[in-house]
Amino acid sequence: MNLSPMYRRTTGRILFISEDFRLIKVKIPLSLKNRNFVNVMFGGSMFSAVDPFPMVQLINLIGKDFVVWDKSAEIKFRRPGTVDLYAEFTYSDEELAEIKRRIKEDKEIEFKKSVLLTNKSGDVIYCKVIKNLYIADKEFYRQKRRSKKTAS
């Protein structure tokens, strides 16, 4: 993914992906490519560097019987990005079990997943990104789309 032109433009770099996809680590180096008018990290770079991971990670963790889409996002800036920033993406067993349980009951849900952008030691938070994911049973999703097409 670091070689993908789409991701390279974000200025973010993947540092680590665990074999089971439970952990992804990303670095966003502060550089001339992502400094804004006031010489701090452009907020769009912060967001775009972390944008794909909650969805892509979840797709790989819950399996092929589900549909996962980004629905919306929110970014809360806490301080200007004056250093390289880091993010870690994880899903716990409890979160994955909750998602599957809720899908079994409701067929489709929205699930919020957040990530913090921090300094290297992780003790200073520069911003929080909250992703709202749409997750559905794949067969339910197909039927829903067919129904909408025939209704049009």
C-alpha atoms as a PDB file:
ATOM      1  CA  MET A   1       0.000   0.000   0.000  1.00  0.00           C
ATOM      2  CA  ASN A   2       2.939   2.353   0.584  1.00  0.00           C
ATOM      3  CA  LEU A   3       3.598   2.100  -3.175  1.00  0.00           C
ATOM      4  CA  SER A   4       0.026   2.961  -4.157  1.00  0.00           C
ATOM      5  CA  PRO A   5      -0.107   6.428  -5.767  1.00  0.00           C
ATOM      6  CA  MET A   6      -3.359   7.080  -3.905  1.00  0.00           C
ATOM      7  CA  TYR A   7      -1.761   6.465  -0.536  1.00  0.00           C
ATOM      8  CA  ARG A   8       1.656   7.988  -1.328  1.00  0.00           C
ATOM      9  CA  ARG A   9      -0.023  11.366  -1.878  1.00  0.00           C
ATOM     10  CA  THR A  10      -1.243  11.398   1.726  1.00  0.00           C
ATOM     11  CA  THR A  11       2.396  11.552   2.918  1.00  0.00           C
ATOM     12  CA  GLY A  12       1.590   8.769   5.400  1.00  0.00           C
ATOM     13  CA  ARG A  13       3.691   5.607   5.555  1.00  0.00           C
ATOM     14  CA  ILE A  14       2.710   2.201   6.859  1.00  0.00           C
ATOM     15  CA  LEU A  15       5.297   1.056   9.382  1.00  0.00           C
ATOM     16  CA  PHE A  16       3.796  -2.290  10.356  1.00  0.00           C
ATOM     17  CA  ILE A  17       0.899  -4.637   9.622  1.00  0.00           C
ATOM     18  CA  SER A  18       0.550  -7.745  11.779  1.00  0.00           C
ATOM     19  CA  GLU A  19       0.001 -11.061  10.003  1.00  0.00           C
ATOM     20  CA  ASP A  20      -3.521 -11.328  11.424  1.00  0.00           C
ATOM     21  CA  PHE A  21      -4.291  -7.691  10.473  1.00  0.00           C
ATOM     22  CA  ARG A  22      -5.175  -6.853  14.106  1.00  0.00           C
ATOM     23  CA  LEU A  23      -2.535  -4.124  14.310  1.00  0.00           C
ATOM     24  CA  ILE A  24      -1.497  -1.496  11.782  1.00  0.00           C
ATOM     25  CA  LYS A  25       1.009   1.270  12.567  1.00  0.00           C
ATOM     26  CA  VAL A  26       1.299   4.411  10.458  1.00  0.00           C
ATOM     27  CA  LYS A  27       3.681   7.362  10.484  1.00  0.00           C
ATOM     28  CA  ILE A  28       2.944  10.767   8.974  1.00  0.00           C
ATOM     29  CA  PRO A  29       6.257  12.589   8.670  1.00  0.00           C
ATOM     30  CA  LEU A  30       6.077  16.366   8.857  1.00  0.00           C
ATOM     31  CA  SER A  31       7.575  17.579   5.566  1.00  0.00           C
ATOM     32  CA  LEU A  32       7.393  20.293   2.942  1.00  0.00           C
ATOM     33  CA  LYS A  33       4.767  18.167   1.164  1.00  0.00           C
ATOM     34  CA  ASN A  34       2.239  18.464   3.996  1.00  0.00           C
ATOM     35  CA  ARG A  35       2.941  21.807   5.673  1.00  0.00           C
ATOM     36  CA  ASN A  36       0.193  24.380   5.423  1.00  0.00           C
ATOM     37  CA  PHE A  37       0.180  28.190   5.294  1.00  0.00           C
ATOM     38  CA  VAL A  38       1.152  28.530   8.978  1.00  0.00           C
ATOM     39  CA  ASN A  39       3.926  25.915   8.665  1.00  0.00           C
ATOM     40  CA  VAL A  40       2.252  23.052  10.565  1.00  0.00           C
ATOM     41  CA  MET A  41       0.871  19.773   9.240  1.00  0.00           C
ATOM     42  CA  PHE A  42      -2.099  20.220   6.926  1.00  0.00           C
ATOM     43  CA  GLY A  43      -5.214  18.698   8.486  1.00  0.00           C
ATOM     44  CA  GLY A  44      -6.115  17.030   5.196  1.00  0.00           C
ATOM     45  CA  SER A  45      -2.835  15.107   5.319  1.00  0.00           C
ATOM     46  CA  MET A  46      -3.599  13.963   8.859  1.00  0.00           C
ATOM     47  CA  PHE A  47      -7.011  12.703   7.815  1.00  0.00           C
ATOM     48  CA  SER A  48      -6.122  11.154   4.467  1.00  0.00           C
ATOM     49  CA  ALA A  49      -3.173   9.241   5.943  1.00  0.00           C
ATOM     50  CA  VAL A  50      -5.477   7.398   8.364  1.00  0.00           C
ATOM     51  CA  ASP A  51      -8.680   7.328   6.282  1.00  0.00           C
ATOM     52  CA  PRO A  52      -8.534   3.868   4.651  1.00  0.00           C
ATOM     53  CA  PHE A  53      -7.439   1.759   7.589  1.00  0.00           C
ATOM     54  CA  PRO A  54     -10.523   1.223   9.798  1.00  0.00           C
ATOM     55  CA  MET A  55     -12.522  -0.011   6.784  1.00  0.00           C
ATOM     56  CA  VAL A  56      -9.783  -2.051   5.081  1.00  0.00           C
ATOM     57  CA  GLN A  57      -8.695  -3.589   8.364  1.00  0.00           C
ATOM     58  CA  LEU A  58     -12.253  -4.591   9.290  1.00  0.00           C
ATOM     59  CA  ILE A  59     -12.888  -6.114   5.844  1.00  0.00           C
ATOM     60  CA  ASN A  60      -9.885  -8.369   6.425  1.00  0.00           C
ATOM     61  CA  LEU A  61     -10.896  -9.251   9.989  1.00  0.00           C
ATOM     62  CA  ILE A  62     -14.589 -10.144   9.720  1.00  0.00           C
ATOM     63  CA  GLY A  63     -14.555 -12.145   6.518  1.00  0.00           C
ATOM     64  CA  LYS A  64     -16.309 -12.372   3.176  1.00  0.00           C
ATOM     65  CA  ASP A  65     -19.871 -12.674   4.490  1.00  0.00           C
ATOM     66  CA  PHE A  66     -20.025  -8.938   5.237  1.00  0.00           C
ATOM     67  CA  VAL A  67     -20.027  -5.639   3.372  1.00  0.00           C
ATOM     68  CA  VAL A  68     -18.081  -2.744   4.914  1.00  0.00           C
ATOM     69  CA  TRP A  69     -18.220   0.856   3.698  1.00  0.00           C
ATOM     70  CA  ASP A  70     -17.019   4.174   5.057  1.00  0.00           C
ATOM     71  CA  LYS A  71     -20.104   6.221   5.809  1.00  0.00           C
ATOM     72  CA  SER A  72     -18.744   9.397   7.395  1.00  0.00           C
ATOM     73  CA  ALA A  73     -15.824  10.781   9.331  1.00  0.00           C
ATOM     74  CA  GLU A  74     -15.041  13.435  11.882  1.00  0.00           C
ATOM     75  CA  ILE A  75     -11.698  14.922  12.814  1.00  0.00           C
ATOM     76  CA  LYS A  76     -11.083  16.720  16.088  1.00  0.00           C
ATOM     77  CA  PHE A  77      -7.879  18.741  16.170  1.00  0.00           C
ATOM     78  CA  ARG A  78      -6.317  19.180  19.604  1.00  0.00           C
ATOM     79  CA  ARG A  79      -3.047  20.924  18.745  1.00  0.00           C
ATOM     80  CA  PRO A  80      -1.100  21.919  15.626  1.00  0.00           C
ATOM     81  CA  GLY A  81       0.925  19.143  14.009  1.00  0.00           C
ATOM     82  CA  THR A  82       4.470  20.338  14.587  1.00  0.00           C
ATOM     83  CA  VAL A  83       6.182  16.910  14.650  1.00  0.00           C
ATOM     84  CA  ASP A  84       5.933  13.562  12.860  1.00  0.00           C
ATOM     85  CA  LEU A  85       2.640  11.924  13.826  1.00  0.00           C
ATOM     86  CA  TYR A  86       1.839   8.275  14.524  1.00  0.00           C
ATOM     87  CA  ALA A  87      -1.343   6.201  14.581  1.00  0.00           C
ATOM     88  CA  GLU A  88      -2.122   2.629  15.631  1.00  0.00           C
ATOM     89  CA  PHE A  89      -5.189   0.777  14.404  1.00  0.00           C
ATOM     90  CA  THR A  90      -6.496  -2.187  16.378  1.00  0.00           C
ATOM     91  CA  TYR A  91      -9.702  -4.181  16.694  1.00  0.00           C
ATOM     92  CA  SER A  92     -10.304  -6.205  19.833  1.00  0.00           C
ATOM     93  CA  ASP A  93     -11.966  -9.617  20.002  1.00  0.00           C
ATOM     94  CA  GLU A  94     -14.819  -7.924  21.856  1.00  0.00           C
ATOM     95  CA  GLU A  95     -15.377  -5.358  19.080  1.00  0.00           C
ATOM     96  CA  LEU A  96     -15.396  -8.043  16.379  1.00  0.00           C
ATOM     97  CA  ALA A  97     -17.809 -10.211  18.387  1.00  0.00           C
ATOM     98  CA  GLU A  98     -20.083  -7.209  18.996  1.00  0.00           C
ATOM     99  CA  ILE A  99     -20.145  -6.361  15.287  1.00  0.00           C
ATOM    100  CA  LYS A 100     -21.028  -9.923  14.296  1.00  0.00           C
ATOM    101  CA  ARG A 101     -23.691 -10.179  17.015  1.00  0.00           C
ATOM    102  CA  ARG A 102     -25.312  -6.902  15.981  1.00  0.00           C
ATOM    103  CA  ILE A 103     -25.253  -7.880  12.282  1.00  0.00           C
ATOM    104  CA  LYS A 104     -26.876 -11.208  13.123  1.00  0.00           C
ATOM    105  CA  GLU A 105     -29.679  -9.330  14.916  1.00  0.00           C
ATOM    106  CA  ASP A 106     -30.126  -6.268  12.685  1.00  0.00           C
ATOM    107  CA  LYS A 107     -28.571  -7.285   9.313  1.00  0.00           C
ATOM    108  CA  GLU A 108     -26.938  -3.855   8.960  1.00  0.00           C
ATOM    109  CA  ILE A 109     -25.351  -1.471  11.447  1.00  0.00           C
ATOM    110  CA  GLU A 110     -23.203   1.589  11.815  1.00  0.00           C
ATOM    111  CA  PHE A 111     -20.075   1.250  13.925  1.00  0.00           C
ATOM    112  CA  LYS A 112     -17.797   4.054  15.105  1.00  0.00           C
ATOM    113  CA  LYS A 113     -14.048   3.480  15.197  1.00  0.00           C
ATOM    114  CA  SER A 114     -11.599   6.134  16.343  1.00  0.00           C
ATOM    115  CA  VAL A 115      -7.854   6.578  16.107  1.00  0.00           C
ATOM    116  CA  LEU A 116      -5.539   9.055  17.788  1.00  0.00           C
ATOM    117  CA  LEU A 117      -2.664  10.809  16.039  1.00  0.00           C
ATOM    118  CA  THR A 118       0.152  11.212  18.542  1.00  0.00           C
ATOM    119  CA  ASN A 119       3.827  12.044  18.816  1.00  0.00           C
ATOM    120  CA  LYS A 120       6.343   9.177  18.624  1.00  0.00           C
ATOM    121  CA  SER A 121       6.104   8.272  22.314  1.00  0.00           C
ATOM    122  CA  GLY A 122       2.286   8.393  22.183  1.00  0.00           C
ATOM    123  CA  ASP A 123       1.958  10.767  25.131  1.00  0.00           C
ATOM    124  CA  VAL A 124       0.779  13.873  23.229  1.00  0.00           C
ATOM    125  CA  ILE A 125      -2.435  13.721  21.176  1.00  0.00           C
ATOM    126  CA  TYR A 126      -2.615  16.009  18.149  1.00  0.00           C
ATOM    127  CA  CYS A 127      -5.973  14.909  16.795  1.00  0.00           C
ATOM    128  CA  LYS A 128      -8.654  12.246  16.909  1.00  0.00           C
ATOM    129  CA  VAL A 129     -10.289  10.802  13.794  1.00  0.00           C
ATOM    130  CA  ILE A 130     -13.645   9.062  14.183  1.00  0.00           C
ATOM    131  CA  LYS A 131     -14.828   6.895  11.317  1.00  0.00           C
ATOM    132  CA  ASN A 132     -18.449   5.824  11.001  1.00  0.00           C
ATOM    133  CA  LEU A 133     -18.549   2.475   9.198  1.00  0.00           C
ATOM    134  CA  TYR A 134     -21.566   0.848   7.562  1.00  0.00           C
ATOM    135  CA  ILE A 135     -21.472  -2.938   7.999  1.00  0.00           C
ATOM    136  CA  ALA A 136     -24.047  -5.369   6.640  1.00  0.00           C
ATOM    137  CA  ASP A 137     -24.687  -9.026   6.026  1.00  0.00           C
ATOM    138  CA  LYS A 138     -23.601  -9.463   2.386  1.00  0.00           C
ATOM    139  CA  GLU A 139     -26.769 -11.276   1.268  1.00  0.00           C
ATOM    140  CA  PHE A 140     -28.985  -8.711   3.000  1.00  0.00           C
ATOM    141  CA  TYR A 141     -27.014  -5.922   1.292  1.00  0.00           C
ATOM    142  CA  ARG A 142     -27.435  -7.542  -2.149  1.00  0.00           C
ATOM    143  CA  GLN A 143     -31.177  -7.922  -1.635  1.00  0.00           C
ATOM    144  CA  LYS A 144     -31.466  -4.329  -0.458  1.00  0.00           C
ATOM    145  CA  ARG A 145     -29.639  -3.046  -3.556  1.00  0.00           C
ATOM    146  CA  ARG A 146     -31.789  -5.188  -5.871  1.00  0.00           C
ATOM    147  CA  SER A 147     -34.916  -3.794  -4.218  1.00  0.00           C
ATOM    148  CA  LYS A 148     -33.738  -0.230  -4.745  1.00  0.00           C
ATOM    149  CA  LYS A 149     -32.910  -0.889  -8.428  1.00  0.00           C
ATOM    150  CA  THR A 150     -36.332  -2.351  -9.157  1.00  0.00           C
ATOM    151  CA  ALA A 151     -38.048   0.494  -7.304  1.00  0.00           C
ATOM    152  CA  SER A 152     -36.293   3.131  -9.463  1.00  0.00           C
END
